[in-house]
Amino acid sequence: MVSAHNNPWAKRDAWRYEGQFSRLNRFRNAFPGLGIAIVAFTAYVGFENLVLNKGKEEHGHEHEEHH
């Protein structure tokens, strides 16, 4: 393996691992709307469970089958 002192291209390759091209920033930029989508989906599921299913619980006993 070539060390950084012997690698003539080390200085030119340094930009790949700093700033906007760091591993974390590349991951963040790969999915730009993921955070907003997760929040919106969580809010929708919470709304559905709290508000929309209330009506089903009140009328749920009318359609039970007895064997």
PDB file of N, CA and C in Angstrom:
ATOM      1  N   MET A   1       0.843  -1.183   0.000  1.00  0.00           N
ATOM      2  CA  MET A   1       0.000   0.000   0.000  1.00  0.00           C
ATOM      3  C   MET A   1       0.888   1.245   0.000  1.00  0.00           C
ATOM      4  N   VAL A   2       0.497   2.243  -0.696  1.00  0.00           N
ATOM      5  CA  VAL A   2       1.282   3.467  -0.828  1.00  0.00           C
ATOM      6  C   VAL A   2       0.860   4.446   0.261  1.00  0.00           C
ATOM      7  N   SER A   3       1.818   4.995   0.988  1.00  0.00           N
ATOM      8  CA  SER A   3       1.493   5.964   2.035  1.00  0.00           C
ATOM      9  C   SER A   3       1.237   7.334   1.413  1.00  0.00           C
ATOM     10  N   ALA A   4       0.701   8.227   2.217  1.00  0.00           N
ATOM     11  CA  ALA A   4       0.365   9.569   1.727  1.00  0.00           C
ATOM     12  C   ALA A   4       1.612  10.363   1.361  1.00  0.00           C
ATOM     13  N   HIS A   5       2.732  10.051   1.995  1.00  0.00           N
ATOM     14  CA  HIS A   5       3.965  10.788   1.705  1.00  0.00           C
ATOM     15  C   HIS A   5       4.540  10.398   0.350  1.00  0.00           C
ATOM     16  N   ASN A   6       4.316   9.175  -0.074  1.00  0.00           N
ATOM     17  CA  ASN A   6       4.872   8.702  -1.340  1.00  0.00           C
ATOM     18  C   ASN A   6       3.890   8.830  -2.498  1.00  0.00           C
ATOM     19  N   ASN A   7       2.661   9.180  -2.205  1.00  0.00           N
ATOM     20  CA  ASN A   7       1.634   9.269  -3.232  1.00  0.00           C
ATOM     21  C   ASN A   7       1.629  10.680  -3.824  1.00  0.00           C
ATOM     22  N   PRO A   8       2.002  10.827  -5.084  1.00  0.00           N
ATOM     23  CA  PRO A   8       2.011  12.162  -5.685  1.00  0.00           C
ATOM     24  C   PRO A   8       0.605  12.722  -5.904  1.00  0.00           C
ATOM     25  N   TRP A   9      -0.415  11.875  -5.906  1.00  0.00           N
ATOM     26  CA  TRP A   9      -1.784  12.320  -6.146  1.00  0.00           C
ATOM     27  C   TRP A   9      -2.559  12.560  -4.857  1.00  0.00           C
ATOM     28  N   ALA A  10      -1.950  12.368  -3.705  1.00  0.00           N
ATOM     29  CA  ALA A  10      -2.656  12.509  -2.429  1.00  0.00           C
ATOM     30  C   ALA A  10      -3.239  13.906  -2.254  1.00  0.00           C
ATOM     31  N   LYS A  11      -2.488  14.914  -2.641  1.00  0.00           N
ATOM     32  CA  LYS A  11      -2.965  16.284  -2.504  1.00  0.00           C
ATOM     33  C   LYS A  11      -4.168  16.541  -3.417  1.00  0.00           C
ATOM     34  N   ARG A  12      -4.119  15.978  -4.593  1.00  0.00           N
ATOM     35  CA  ARG A  12      -5.209  16.197  -5.551  1.00  0.00           C
ATOM     36  C   ARG A  12      -6.459  15.390  -5.201  1.00  0.00           C
ATOM     37  N   ASP A  13      -6.304  14.285  -4.492  1.00  0.00           N
ATOM     38  CA  ASP A  13      -7.449  13.465  -4.100  1.00  0.00           C
ATOM     39  C   ASP A  13      -8.059  13.892  -2.774  1.00  0.00           C
ATOM     40  N   ALA A  14      -7.454  14.810  -2.065  1.00  0.00           N
ATOM     41  CA  ALA A  14      -7.933  15.210  -0.738  1.00  0.00           C
ATOM     42  C   ALA A  14      -9.333  15.815  -0.801  1.00  0.00           C
ATOM     43  N   TRP A  15      -9.706  16.480  -1.869  1.00  0.00           N
ATOM     44  CA  TRP A  15     -11.020  17.117  -1.981  1.00  0.00           C
ATOM     45  C   TRP A  15     -12.155  16.105  -1.936  1.00  0.00           C
ATOM     46  N   ARG A  16     -11.871  14.855  -2.276  1.00  0.00           N
ATOM     47  CA  ARG A  16     -12.929  13.843  -2.295  1.00  0.00           C
ATOM     48  C   ARG A  16     -13.446  13.507  -0.904  1.00  0.00           C
ATOM     49  N   TYR A  17     -12.665  13.776   0.116  1.00  0.00           N
ATOM     50  CA  TYR A  17     -13.014  13.360   1.468  1.00  0.00           C
ATOM     51  C   TYR A  17     -13.315  14.532   2.387  1.00  0.00           C
ATOM     52  N   GLU A  18     -13.403  15.737   1.859  1.00  0.00           N
ATOM     53  CA  GLU A  18     -13.657  16.918   2.673  1.00  0.00           C
ATOM     54  C   GLU A  18     -14.829  17.709   2.096  1.00  0.00           C
ATOM     55  N   GLY A  19     -15.423  18.525   2.934  1.00  0.00           N
ATOM     56  CA  GLY A  19     -16.460  19.462   2.494  1.00  0.00           C
ATOM     57  C   GLY A  19     -17.699  18.781   1.954  1.00  0.00           C
ATOM     58  N   GLN A  20     -18.169  19.247   0.827  1.00  0.00           N
ATOM     59  CA  GLN A  20     -19.424  18.736   0.276  1.00  0.00           C
ATOM     60  C   GLN A  20     -19.311  17.319  -0.258  1.00  0.00           C
ATOM     61  N   PHE A  21     -18.112  16.794  -0.395  1.00  0.00           N
ATOM     62  CA  PHE A  21     -17.944  15.441  -0.909  1.00  0.00           C
ATOM     63  C   PHE A  21     -17.620  14.433   0.185  1.00  0.00           C
ATOM     64  N   SER A  22     -17.813  14.798   1.445  1.00  0.00           N
ATOM     65  CA  SER A  22     -17.573  13.851   2.528  1.00  0.00           C
ATOM     66  C   SER A  22     -18.631  12.754   2.467  1.00  0.00           C
ATOM     67  N   ARG A  23     -18.380  11.669   3.143  1.00  0.00           N
ATOM     68  CA  ARG A  23     -19.286  10.519   3.096  1.00  0.00           C
ATOM     69  C   ARG A  23     -20.674  10.877   3.615  1.00  0.00           C
ATOM     70  N   LEU A  24     -20.738  11.649   4.694  1.00  0.00           N
ATOM     71  CA  LEU A  24     -22.029  12.047   5.259  1.00  0.00           C
ATOM     72  C   LEU A  24     -22.802  12.950   4.301  1.00  0.00           C
ATOM     73  N   ASN A  25     -22.138  13.909   3.706  1.00  0.00           N
ATOM     74  CA  ASN A  25     -22.823  14.814   2.778  1.00  0.00           C
ATOM     75  C   ASN A  25     -23.263  14.105   1.507  1.00  0.00           C
ATOM     76  N   ARG A  26     -22.504  13.129   1.054  1.00  0.00           N
ATOM     77  CA  ARG A  26     -22.941  12.373  -0.123  1.00  0.00           C
ATOM     78  C   ARG A  26     -24.202  11.588   0.189  1.00  0.00           C
ATOM     79  N   PHE A  27     -24.314  11.031   1.396  1.00  0.00           N
ATOM     80  CA  PHE A  27     -25.518  10.297   1.783  1.00  0.00           C
ATOM     81  C   PHE A  27     -26.709  11.241   1.897  1.00  0.00           C
ATOM     82  N   ARG A  28     -26.496  12.405   2.514  1.00  0.00           N
ATOM     83  CA  ARG A  28     -27.592  13.376   2.658  1.00  0.00           C
ATOM     84  C   ARG A  28     -28.100  13.851   1.305  1.00  0.00           C
ATOM     85  N   ASN A  29     -27.209  14.086   0.377  1.00  0.00           N
ATOM     86  CA  ASN A  29     -27.604  14.592  -0.933  1.00  0.00           C
ATOM     87  C   ASN A  29     -28.189  13.510  -1.826  1.00  0.00           C
ATOM     88  N   ALA A  30     -27.991  12.250  -1.487  1.00  0.00           N
ATOM     89  CA  ALA A  30     -28.544  11.170  -2.299  1.00  0.00           C
ATOM     90  C   ALA A  30     -30.065  11.089  -2.144  1.00  0.00           C
ATOM     91  N   PHE A  31     -30.575  11.433  -0.952  1.00  0.00           N
ATOM     92  CA  PHE A  31     -32.010  11.378  -0.681  1.00  0.00           C
ATOM     93  C   PHE A  31     -32.471  12.727  -0.132  1.00  0.00           C
ATOM     94  N   PRO A  32     -32.611  13.747  -0.974  1.00  0.00           N
ATOM     95  CA  PRO A  32     -32.875  15.096  -0.473  1.00  0.00           C
ATOM     96  C   PRO A  32     -34.232  15.270   0.204  1.00  0.00           C
ATOM     97  N   GLY A  33     -35.246  14.540  -0.164  1.00  0.00           N
ATOM     98  CA  GLY A  33     -36.567  14.717   0.429  1.00  0.00           C
ATOM     99  C   GLY A  33     -36.939  13.656   1.437  1.00  0.00           C
ATOM    100  N   LEU A  34     -35.985  12.824   1.830  1.00  0.00           N
ATOM    101  CA  LEU A  34     -36.296  11.704   2.715  1.00  0.00           C
ATOM    102  C   LEU A  34     -36.779  12.174   4.082  1.00  0.00           C
ATOM    103  N   GLY A  35     -36.158  13.174   4.658  1.00  0.00           N
ATOM    104  CA  GLY A  35     -36.564  13.662   5.980  1.00  0.00           C
ATOM    105  C   GLY A  35     -37.980  14.205   5.979  1.00  0.00           C
ATOM    106  N   ILE A  36     -38.311  15.001   4.981  1.00  0.00           N
ATOM    107  CA  ILE A  36     -39.660  15.561   4.866  1.00  0.00           C
ATOM    108  C   ILE A  36     -40.679  14.447   4.632  1.00  0.00           C
ATOM    109  N   ALA A  37     -40.319  13.469   3.832  1.00  0.00           N
ATOM    110  CA  ALA A  37     -41.234  12.364   3.548  1.00  0.00           C
ATOM    111  C   ALA A  37     -41.516  11.539   4.799  1.00  0.00           C
ATOM    112  N   ILE A  38     -40.503  11.298   5.614  1.00  0.00           N
ATOM    113  CA  ILE A  38     -40.701  10.524   6.843  1.00  0.00           C
ATOM    114  C   ILE A  38     -41.617  11.274   7.805  1.00  0.00           C
ATOM    115  N   VAL A  39     -41.418  12.572   7.943  1.00  0.00           N
ATOM    116  CA  VAL A  39     -42.266  13.375   8.827  1.00  0.00           C
ATOM    117  C   VAL A  39     -43.703  13.399   8.313  1.00  0.00           C
ATOM    118  N   ALA A  40     -43.891  13.585   7.018  1.00  0.00           N
ATOM    119  CA  ALA A  40     -45.242  13.629   6.445  1.00  0.00           C
ATOM    120  C   ALA A  40     -45.941  12.281   6.593  1.00  0.00           C
ATOM    121  N   PHE A  41     -45.231  11.197   6.362  1.00  0.00           N
ATOM    122  CA  PHE A  41     -45.829   9.867   6.483  1.00  0.00           C
ATOM    123  C   PHE A  41     -46.206   9.574   7.932  1.00  0.00           C
ATOM    124  N   THR A  42     -45.342   9.940   8.868  1.00  0.00           N
ATOM    125  CA  THR A  42     -45.636   9.724  10.284  1.00  0.00           C
ATOM    126  C   THR A  42     -46.855  10.532  10.714  1.00  0.00           C
ATOM    127  N   ALA A  43     -46.954  11.763  10.253  1.00  0.00           N
ATOM    128  CA  ALA A  43     -48.113  12.595  10.584  1.00  0.00           C
ATOM    129  C   ALA A  43     -49.390  12.002   9.998  1.00  0.00           C
ATOM    130  N   TYR A  44     -49.328  11.493   8.778  1.00  0.00           N
ATOM    131  CA  TYR A  44     -50.510  10.897   8.151  1.00  0.00           C
ATOM    132  C   TYR A  44     -50.963   9.650   8.900  1.00  0.00           C
ATOM    133  N   VAL A  45     -50.023   8.788   9.257  1.00  0.00           N
ATOM    134  CA  VAL A  45     -50.381   7.560   9.975  1.00  0.00           C
ATOM    135  C   VAL A  45     -50.959   7.899  11.344  1.00  0.00           C
ATOM    136  N   GLY A  46     -50.380   8.877  12.025  1.00  0.00           N
ATOM    137  CA  GLY A  46     -50.918   9.301  13.314  1.00  0.00           C
ATOM    138  C   GLY A  46     -52.320   9.865  13.183  1.00  0.00           C
ATOM    139  N   PHE A  47     -52.545  10.696  12.179  1.00  0.00           N
ATOM    140  CA  PHE A  47     -53.876  11.261  11.926  1.00  0.00           C
ATOM    141  C   PHE A  47     -54.882  10.160  11.624  1.00  0.00           C
ATOM    142  N   GLU A  48     -54.482   9.218  10.799  1.00  0.00           N
ATOM    143  CA  GLU A  48     -55.379   8.129  10.430  1.00  0.00           C
ATOM    144  C   GLU A  48     -55.752   7.286  11.646  1.00  0.00           C
ATOM    145  N   ASN A  49     -54.789   6.982  12.484  1.00  0.00           N
ATOM    146  CA  ASN A  49     -55.073   6.153  13.653  1.00  0.00           C
ATOM    147  C   ASN A  49     -55.898   6.889  14.698  1.00  0.00           C
ATOM    148  N   LEU A  50     -55.675   8.165  14.882  1.00  0.00           N
ATOM    149  CA  LEU A  50     -56.387   8.898  15.921  1.00  0.00           C
ATOM    150  C   LEU A  50     -57.761   9.382  15.476  1.00  0.00           C
ATOM    151  N   VAL A  51     -57.871   9.898  14.270  1.00  0.00           N
ATOM    152  CA  VAL A  51     -59.109  10.551  13.844  1.00  0.00           C
ATOM    153  C   VAL A  51     -60.000   9.625  13.017  1.00  0.00           C
ATOM    154  N   LEU A  52     -59.451   9.001  12.014  1.00  0.00           N
ATOM    155  CA  LEU A  52     -60.283   8.238  11.087  1.00  0.00           C
ATOM    156  C   LEU A  52     -60.758   6.907  11.662  1.00  0.00           C
ATOM    157  N   ASN A  53     -60.029   6.307  12.559  1.00  0.00           N
ATOM    158  CA  ASN A  53     -60.444   5.023  13.127  1.00  0.00           C
ATOM    159  C   ASN A  53     -61.386   5.175  14.308  1.00  0.00           C
ATOM    160  N   LYS A  54     -61.633   6.382  14.786  1.00  0.00           N
ATOM    161  CA  LYS A  54     -62.574   6.578  15.889  1.00  0.00           C
ATOM    162  C   LYS A  54     -63.986   6.159  15.485  1.00  0.00           C
ATOM    163  N   GLY A  55     -64.387   6.475  14.285  1.00  0.00           N
ATOM    164  CA  GLY A  55     -65.718   6.111  13.815  1.00  0.00           C
ATOM    165  C   GLY A  55     -65.891   4.610  13.679  1.00  0.00           C
ATOM    166  N   LYS A  56     -64.850   3.908  13.335  1.00  0.00           N
ATOM    167  CA  LYS A  56     -64.934   2.452  13.191  1.00  0.00           C
ATOM    168  C   LYS A  56     -65.075   1.768  14.540  1.00  0.00           C
ATOM    169  N   GLU A  57     -64.455   2.290  15.578  1.00  0.00           N
ATOM    170  CA  GLU A  57     -64.540   1.684  16.901  1.00  0.00           C
ATOM    171  C   GLU A  57     -65.946   1.808  17.471  1.00  0.00           C
ATOM    172  N   GLU A  58     -66.636   2.902  17.201  1.00  0.00           N
ATOM    173  CA  GLU A  58     -67.970   3.112  17.745  1.00  0.00           C
ATOM    174  C   GLU A  58     -68.996   2.193  17.102  1.00  0.00           C
ATOM    175  N   HIS A  59     -68.824   1.863  15.829  1.00  0.00           N
ATOM    176  CA  HIS A  59     -69.803   1.056  15.110  1.00  0.00           C
ATOM    177  C   HIS A  59     -69.294  -0.349  14.830  1.00  0.00           C
ATOM    178  N   GLY A  60     -68.253  -0.769  15.460  1.00  0.00           N
ATOM    179  CA  GLY A  60     -67.650  -2.057  15.153  1.00  0.00           C
ATOM    180  C   GLY A  60     -68.440  -3.252  15.625  1.00  0.00           C
ATOM    181  N   HIS A  61     -69.308  -3.122  16.621  1.00  0.00           N
ATOM    182  CA  HIS A  61     -70.015  -4.270  17.172  1.00  0.00           C
ATOM    183  C   HIS A  61     -71.243  -4.658  16.361  1.00  0.00           C
ATOM    184  N   GLU A  62     -71.682  -3.850  15.453  1.00  0.00           N
ATOM    185  CA  GLU A  62     -72.888  -4.137  14.686  1.00  0.00           C
ATOM    186  C   GLU A  62     -72.682  -5.250  13.671  1.00  0.00           C
ATOM    187  N   HIS A  63     -71.468  -5.435  13.182  1.00  0.00           N
ATOM    188  CA  HIS A  63     -71.230  -6.374  12.104  1.00  0.00           C
ATOM    189  C   HIS A  63     -70.491  -7.627  12.557  1.00  0.00           C
ATOM    190  N   GLU A  64     -70.525  -7.947  13.839  1.00  0.00           N
ATOM    191  CA  GLU A  64     -69.846  -9.151  14.312  1.00  0.00           C
ATOM    192  C   GLU A  64     -70.667 -10.375  13.950  1.00  0.00           C
ATOM    193  N   GLU A  65     -69.965 -11.429  13.588  1.00  0.00           N
ATOM    194  CA  GLU A  65     -70.638 -12.691  13.282  1.00  0.00           C
ATOM    195  C   GLU A  65     -70.584 -13.585  14.512  1.00  0.00           C
ATOM    196  N   HIS A  66     -71.696 -14.241  14.812  1.00  0.00           N
ATOM    197  CA  HIS A  66     -71.748 -15.157  15.954  1.00  0.00           C
ATOM    198  C   HIS A  66     -71.925 -16.566  15.421  1.00  0.00           C
ATOM    199  N   HIS A  67     -71.052 -17.456  15.876  1.00  0.00           N
ATOM    200  CA  HIS A  67     -71.152 -18.858  15.421  1.00  0.00           C
ATOM    201  C   HIS A  67     -71.638 -19.719  16.532  1.00  0.00           C
TER     202      HIS A  67
END
